[in-house]
Protein backbone atom coordinates (compact mmCIF):
# COMPACT_ATOMS: atom_id res chain seq x y z
CA MET A 1 35.87 219.09 110.13
CA ALA A 2 34.70 222.34 108.56
CA PRO A 3 31.76 224.07 110.27
CA SER A 4 29.53 223.57 107.22
CA ALA A 5 30.32 219.84 107.01
CA GLN A 6 29.77 219.44 110.75
CA ALA A 7 26.42 221.24 110.60
CA HIS A 8 25.39 219.07 107.66
CA GLN A 9 26.24 215.89 109.56
CA ARG A 10 24.29 217.03 112.63
CA SER A 11 21.18 217.87 110.61
CA HIS A 12 21.52 214.61 108.67
CA SER A 13 21.51 212.57 111.90
CA LEU A 14 18.38 214.34 113.16
CA LEU A 15 16.60 213.78 109.85
CA LEU A 16 17.43 210.08 109.94
CA LEU A 17 15.93 209.67 113.42
CA GLN A 18 12.83 211.64 112.46
CA LYS A 19 12.42 209.49 109.36
CA LEU A 20 12.73 206.39 111.52
CA LEU A 21 10.15 207.58 114.05
CA SER A 22 7.71 208.55 111.28
CA LEU A 23 8.11 205.25 109.36
CA ARG A 24 9.04 207.08 106.17
CA ASP A 25 10.60 205.34 103.17
CA SER A 26 10.79 202.00 105.02
CA ALA A 27 13.76 203.35 106.97
CA SER A 28 13.98 200.28 109.22
CA PRO A 29 11.90 197.10 108.84
CA LEU A 30 13.02 195.74 112.24
CA THR A 31 13.79 198.23 115.00
CA LEU A 32 15.07 196.89 118.31
CA ILE A 33 14.77 198.98 121.49
CA LEU A 34 17.06 198.05 124.38
CA ASP A 35 15.96 199.30 127.79
CA THR A 36 16.53 198.59 131.49
CA LEU A 37 14.62 198.73 134.74
CA GLU A 38 16.02 202.20 135.36
CA GLN A 39 14.78 203.57 132.04
CA GLY A 40 12.05 201.80 130.17
CA ALA A 41 11.24 202.13 126.51
CA GLY A 42 7.80 203.66 127.19
CA PRO A 43 8.56 207.28 126.13
CA LEU A 44 10.15 206.14 122.87
CA VAL A 45 7.34 203.69 122.09
CA ARG A 46 4.76 206.42 122.72
CA GLU A 47 6.62 208.67 120.29
CA PHE A 48 6.46 205.93 117.64
CA ILE A 49 2.72 205.51 118.25
CA VAL A 50 1.92 209.24 118.11
CA ARG A 51 3.83 209.76 114.88
CA ALA A 52 2.35 206.62 113.33
CA LYS A 53 -1.13 207.86 114.22
CA LEU A 54 -0.43 211.23 112.60
CA ALA A 55 0.71 209.39 109.46
CA ARG A 56 -2.55 207.34 109.51
CA SER A 57 -0.67 204.07 109.88
CA LYS A 58 -2.29 200.97 111.30
CA ILE A 59 -0.93 200.08 114.75
CA ILE A 60 -0.98 196.45 115.89
CA PHE A 61 0.13 195.93 119.49
CA ILE A 62 1.32 192.40 120.34
CA SER A 63 1.25 191.91 124.11
CA LEU A 64 3.39 189.50 126.10
CA ALA A 65 3.48 191.62 129.27
CA THR A 66 1.05 194.53 128.75
CA VAL A 67 -2.35 194.12 130.38
CA LYS A 68 -4.35 197.05 128.99
CA LYS A 69 -4.63 198.08 125.36
CA PRO A 70 -2.74 201.30 124.57
CA ARG A 71 -4.98 204.23 123.76
CA ASP A 72 -3.99 204.71 120.12
CA ALA A 73 -3.52 201.05 119.15
CA ASP A 74 -5.89 199.80 116.47
CA VAL A 75 -5.49 196.09 117.23
CA PHE A 76 -4.49 194.49 120.54
CA ILE A 77 -3.30 190.85 120.42
CA LYS A 78 -2.60 188.84 123.56
CA ALA A 79 0.33 186.60 122.68
CA ARG A 80 1.28 185.05 125.99
CA GLY A 81 1.09 181.27 125.98
CA LYS A 82 0.37 180.96 122.26
CA PRO A 83 2.60 178.93 119.89
CA LEU A 84 4.58 181.08 117.52
CA LYS A 85 2.98 179.50 114.46
CA ALA A 86 -0.55 180.24 115.70
CA LEU A 87 0.48 183.73 116.80
CA ALA A 88 1.97 184.52 113.38
CA ALA A 89 -1.24 183.33 111.70
CA GLU A 90 -3.36 185.54 113.97
CA ILE A 91 -1.18 188.59 113.27
CA ALA A 92 -1.37 187.94 109.52
CA THR A 93 -5.17 188.20 109.61
CA HIS A 94 -4.87 191.83 110.79
CA LEU A 95 -2.21 192.90 108.28
CA PRO A 96 -3.45 194.80 105.24
CA PRO A 97 -2.92 193.18 101.83
CA PRO A 98 0.60 193.68 100.43
CA SER A 99 -0.88 195.51 97.44
CA THR A 100 -2.31 198.31 99.61
CA PRO A 101 -0.06 201.31 100.32
CA GLN A 102 -1.19 201.64 103.95
CA LYS A 103 1.68 201.48 106.42
CA THR A 104 1.52 199.16 109.41
CA LEU A 105 3.43 199.37 112.69
CA LEU A 106 3.78 196.15 114.68
CA ILE A 107 4.81 196.64 118.31
CA LEU A 108 6.06 193.67 120.32
CA ASP A 109 6.20 194.85 123.93
CA THR A 110 8.91 192.41 125.07
CA LEU A 111 11.04 189.70 123.50
CA ASN A 112 12.43 188.26 126.73
CA PRO A 113 9.76 185.52 127.22
CA LEU A 114 10.47 184.31 123.68
CA THR A 115 14.26 184.39 123.98
CA ASN A 116 14.32 182.73 127.41
CA SER A 117 12.15 179.77 126.43
CA PRO A 118 13.88 176.70 124.92
CA HIS A 119 10.75 176.08 122.81
CA THR A 120 10.50 179.49 121.15
CA SER A 121 14.11 180.71 121.12
CA PRO A 122 15.24 178.58 118.11
CA LEU A 123 12.16 179.70 116.12
CA LEU A 124 12.44 183.39 116.93
CA PRO A 125 14.39 184.54 113.80
CA ALA A 126 11.91 182.86 111.45
CA PHE A 127 8.98 184.25 113.47
CA LEU A 128 10.23 187.84 113.28
CA THR A 129 10.89 187.52 109.56
CA SER A 130 7.38 186.22 108.91
CA LEU A 131 5.88 189.38 110.45
CA LEU A 132 7.31 191.54 107.65
CA PRO A 133 5.46 190.45 104.50
CA SER A 134 5.82 193.78 102.67
CA PRO A 135 8.00 196.90 102.77
CA SER A 136 5.07 198.89 104.18
CA THR A 137 5.21 196.91 107.45
CA SER A 138 7.61 197.87 110.24
CA LEU A 139 8.27 195.89 113.41
CA LEU A 140 9.22 197.56 116.70
CA ALA A 141 10.42 195.09 119.34
CA ILE A 142 11.63 195.71 122.91
CA TYR A 143 14.27 193.74 124.77
CA HIS A 144 15.10 194.23 128.47
CA THR A 145 18.87 193.95 128.76
CA ASP A 146 18.98 193.46 132.55
CA VAL A 147 16.64 190.45 132.67
CA PRO A 148 18.67 187.29 133.42
CA VAL A 149 18.98 184.77 130.60
CA PRO A 150 19.02 181.04 131.47
CA VAL A 151 22.24 179.46 130.21
CA PRO A 152 22.10 177.56 128.01
CA VAL A 153 18.68 178.23 126.49
CA GLN A 154 19.00 175.82 123.59
CA SER A 155 22.67 174.94 123.16
CA GLU A 156 25.94 175.92 124.77
CA TYR A 157 27.23 176.87 121.31
CA ALA A 158 24.27 179.09 120.45
CA PRO A 159 24.84 182.87 120.50
CA HIS A 160 23.44 185.04 123.25
CA PRO A 161 19.88 186.20 122.48
CA LEU A 162 20.96 189.84 122.49
CA THR A 163 23.73 189.08 119.99
CA LEU A 164 21.24 187.37 117.70
CA LEU A 165 18.68 190.16 117.95
CA THR A 166 21.18 192.94 117.26
CA HIS A 167 22.34 190.97 114.20
CA LEU A 168 18.79 190.70 112.85
CA ALA A 169 17.75 194.28 113.57
CA THR A 170 18.25 197.00 110.99
CA THR A 171 18.20 199.68 113.71
CA VAL A 172 19.15 199.40 117.39
CA LEU A 173 17.96 202.10 119.82
CA ARG A 174 19.32 202.15 123.37
CA VAL A 175 17.45 204.31 125.87
CA SER A 176 18.83 205.73 129.10
CA SER A 177 17.77 208.35 131.60
CA LEU A 178 18.76 211.93 130.81
CA VAL A 179 19.11 212.75 134.52
CA GLN A 180 21.50 209.85 135.05
CA THR A 181 23.47 210.61 131.88
CA ILE A 182 23.96 214.22 133.03
CA ALA A 183 25.14 213.01 136.45
CA ILE A 184 27.68 210.69 134.80
CA GLU A 185 28.96 213.49 132.55
CA ARG A 186 29.36 215.92 135.45
CA ALA A 187 31.30 213.30 137.40
CA ARG A 188 33.54 212.73 134.37
CA GLN A 189 34.20 216.46 134.05
CA ARG A 190 35.36 216.49 137.69
CA SER A 191 37.42 213.29 137.24
CA LEU A 192 35.21 211.49 139.76
CA PRO A 193 33.95 207.89 139.62
CA PRO A 194 30.65 207.75 137.74
CA PRO A 195 27.57 207.13 139.91
CA GLU A 196 25.65 203.89 139.54
CA TRP A 197 21.97 203.02 139.83
CA GLY A 198 19.74 199.99 139.91
CA LEU A 199 21.36 196.61 139.57
CA ALA A 200 24.80 198.16 139.07
CA GLU A 201 24.74 199.32 142.71
CA ARG A 202 24.79 195.66 143.82
CA ARG A 203 22.62 196.42 146.84
CA GLU A 204 19.95 194.23 148.31
CA GLY A 205 16.48 195.68 148.49
CA VAL A 206 13.83 197.21 146.28
CA LEU A 207 14.66 199.08 143.07
CA ILE A 208 12.94 202.45 143.30
CA GLY A 209 13.74 203.55 139.77
CA LEU A 210 13.21 207.03 138.43
CA LEU A 211 11.12 209.57 140.31
CA PRO A 212 8.29 211.38 138.44
CA PRO A 213 10.28 214.62 137.83
CA GLN A 214 13.12 212.53 136.40
CA ARG A 215 10.77 210.68 134.04
CA GLU A 216 9.53 213.99 132.63
CA ALA A 217 13.07 215.26 131.94
CA GLY A 218 13.49 213.17 128.80
CA VAL A 219 15.41 210.14 127.62
CA VAL A 220 18.72 209.71 125.85
CA VAL A 221 18.50 207.65 122.67
CA ASP A 222 21.61 206.00 121.22
CA MET A 223 20.89 205.15 117.60
CA GLU A 224 22.71 202.65 115.42
CA MET A 225 21.11 202.40 111.99
CA ARG A 226 22.39 199.89 109.42
CA ARG A 227 22.10 201.20 105.89
CA ARG A 228 21.57 198.95 102.88
CA SER A 229 25.16 199.57 101.86
CA GLY A 230 26.33 197.99 105.12
CA ARG A 231 27.47 201.28 106.66
CA SER A 232 26.23 202.11 110.15
CA VAL A 233 25.02 205.55 111.16
CA VAL A 234 25.30 206.30 114.87
CA GLY A 235 24.14 209.23 116.94
CA ARG A 236 23.09 210.27 120.44
CA PHE A 237 19.89 212.26 120.89
CA ILE A 238 17.58 213.61 123.57
CA LEU A 239 13.86 212.93 123.27
CA SER A 240 11.85 215.37 125.38
CA PRO A 241 8.16 214.77 126.10
CA PRO A 242 5.58 217.08 124.53
CA PRO A 243 4.42 220.02 126.66
CA PRO A 244 1.17 219.48 128.55
CA LEU A 245 -1.92 220.79 126.84
CA PRO A 246 -4.23 223.18 128.72
CA ARG A 247 -7.53 221.71 129.75
CA PRO A 248 -10.73 223.42 128.63
CA LEU A 249 -12.26 225.96 130.96
CA GLN A 250 -14.74 224.53 133.43
CA GLY A 251 -17.15 226.34 135.69
CA ASN A 252 -16.68 225.90 139.43
CA GLY A 253 -20.27 226.65 140.36
CA ASN A 254 -19.50 230.16 141.66
CA GLY A 255 -19.34 231.93 138.33
CA GLY A 256 -15.62 231.41 138.05
CA ASP A 257 -13.59 228.95 136.06
CA LYS A 258 -10.93 226.37 136.76
CA ARG A 259 -7.85 225.93 134.64
CA GLY A 260 -5.55 222.97 134.50
CA THR A 261 -3.08 221.15 132.35
CA GLY A 262 -3.63 217.86 130.64
CA THR A 263 -1.22 215.31 129.33
CA GLY A 264 0.49 216.32 126.10
CA THR A 265 -0.56 214.31 123.08
CA GLY A 266 1.69 215.92 120.48
CA THR A 267 5.06 214.76 119.28
CA GLY A 268 8.11 215.18 121.45
CA SER A 269 11.09 217.33 120.59
CA LEU A 270 14.42 215.94 119.39
CA MET A 271 17.88 217.38 119.78
CA LEU A 272 21.44 216.15 119.64
CA LEU A 273 22.98 215.24 122.96
CA ALA A 274 25.99 217.38 122.05
CA ASP A 275 23.70 220.46 121.95
CA HIS A 276 22.73 220.07 125.61
CA PRO A 277 24.42 222.70 127.83
CA VAL A 278 26.14 220.03 129.94
CA PHE A 279 27.61 218.24 126.93
CA ALA A 280 28.22 221.23 124.64
CA THR A 281 31.78 222.40 124.08
CA PRO A 282 32.41 225.79 125.73
CA ALA A 283 32.59 228.72 123.33
CA GLY A 284 36.07 229.73 124.48
CA ALA A 285 37.54 226.25 124.31
CA ALA A 286 38.83 226.78 120.79
CA ASP A 287 40.65 229.96 121.83
CA GLU A 288 42.29 228.31 124.85
CA THR A 289 43.88 225.65 122.69
CA GLY A 290 46.19 228.25 121.15
CA SER A 291 44.90 227.73 117.63
CA GLY A 292 45.23 231.36 116.53
CA GLU A 293 46.00 232.82 113.15
CA GLY A 294 49.40 231.97 111.76
CA GLN A 295 49.75 228.74 113.74
CA GLU A 296 49.90 225.52 111.80
CA GLN A 297 46.75 223.45 112.11
CA HIS A 298 47.17 219.68 112.44
CA VAL A 299 44.44 217.43 111.05
CA THR A 300 43.96 215.14 114.06
CA THR A 301 41.13 214.02 116.30
CA PHE A 302 42.65 215.88 119.27
CA SER A 303 44.38 219.20 119.87
CA LEU A 304 48.17 219.38 119.67
CA GLY A 305 48.39 223.05 120.66
CA LEU A 306 49.35 224.50 124.02
CA THR A 307 47.80 227.40 125.85
CA GLU A 308 50.00 230.27 126.97
CA LYS A 309 49.82 229.08 130.57
CA GLN A 310 50.79 225.55 129.58
CA ARG A 311 53.72 226.91 127.58
CA ARG A 312 54.99 228.96 130.56
CA ASP A 313 54.62 226.00 132.90
CA ARG A 314 56.56 223.77 130.53
CA GLU A 315 59.43 226.26 130.30
CA GLY A 316 59.63 226.50 134.07
CA ILE A 317 59.97 222.77 134.66
CA VAL A 318 63.40 221.66 135.94
CA LEU A 319 64.23 218.26 134.48
CA PRO A 320 65.71 215.49 136.69
CA TYR A 321 69.53 215.49 136.84
CA PHE A 322 69.57 218.83 135.05
CA ASP A 323 73.04 219.65 136.45
CA ALA A 324 74.45 216.42 135.04
CA GLN A 325 73.11 217.30 131.58
CA THR A 326 74.79 220.74 131.58
CA ASP A 327 78.15 219.64 133.03
CA ILE A 328 78.60 216.66 130.72
CA GLY A 329 78.36 218.38 127.41
CA GLY A 330 81.88 218.01 126.14
CA GLY A 331 81.77 214.62 124.54
CA GLU A 332 81.61 212.44 127.68
CA GLY A 333 78.37 210.80 126.64
CA GLY A 334 75.90 209.64 129.23
CA ARG A 335 78.16 209.16 132.27
CA ILE A 336 76.21 208.57 135.45
CA LEU A 337 76.91 210.85 138.42
CA TYR A 338 76.39 209.15 141.76
CA ASP A 339 77.00 210.57 145.23
CA MET A 340 77.78 207.93 147.83
CA ASP A 341 76.45 208.14 151.34
CA GLY A 342 77.62 206.52 154.56
CA GLY A 343 75.66 203.31 154.03
CA ASP A 344 77.18 202.44 150.62
CA ASP A 345 79.89 199.78 150.29
CA PHE A 346 82.46 200.84 147.70
CA ASP A 347 83.93 198.00 145.64
CA ASP A 348 87.14 198.64 143.68
CA GLU A 349 86.55 195.77 141.27
CA GLU A 350 83.10 197.01 140.28
CA ASP A 351 84.54 200.48 139.74
CA GLU A 352 87.12 199.07 137.33
CA ILE A 353 84.42 197.31 135.34
């Protein structure tokens, strides 16, 4: 791929994710976030809320597991224990009229109680569809992939809830820890087994999860956006939290002042995962592949060239039975040379055959 085309594709992927986070042009009516115990969807949900607040969108938070109302949510609806029909009617009362241009962001903090219940699981597709009455409304739903699913929920022939949700969603975002992703990449570069965390460790005990410095490092977002044409756009990004804002100066009673840092309330920064120093291709990698001027370039997804060291090593290799290949060059074909030792039993009949 030419450098200009590659740069265009990278900028295009970043613009798509920014458009999705800012709810521009109805980029995705139903966005599904897949998280785990090791890396929750909190940082990504906060980024959606901050950008929606900057765009003056109405934020309706539908709670099935959250106890306290988020700071920037305009409406907080407790949905636990309510029938889906009554819950949909309550949500509809807070939606702006379809004729108004105001954008609305619906956030459903978890779908697992609805997918794991035999009463609500068959009605879930119709319920999610009813929450999107107009193109100005976007639904952001979270699904915990490591929560066990009772089998069967409704029928042994019914699809898995995750399969159904990924089919309904127009965008699927998978979040993972940046610290853990870097550790896996460094192990891969050293040809070592990748480390495992959480449930994948298969250890009994308490799951500690990520430590505070690891939470502040950022999250890796795997995006799969389905366009109206049916084509999927994929990309891997890093979402870093906003820098902390300085607190206002306060007197300490002795004529001095105290300074501190508060929690950042701005938008986070986005970058491609391939631009991270651990995942970036070294600058001299292209030169080591032997792709200099005058050498034919093959249009493939991998390099066919050899470095000078690899070429010298290949010329110095002695092939097996090399002496047999040089001695039998005069039209004798592929005769096998075999040296008998003291333990072999020579058979005249087999030699004649």
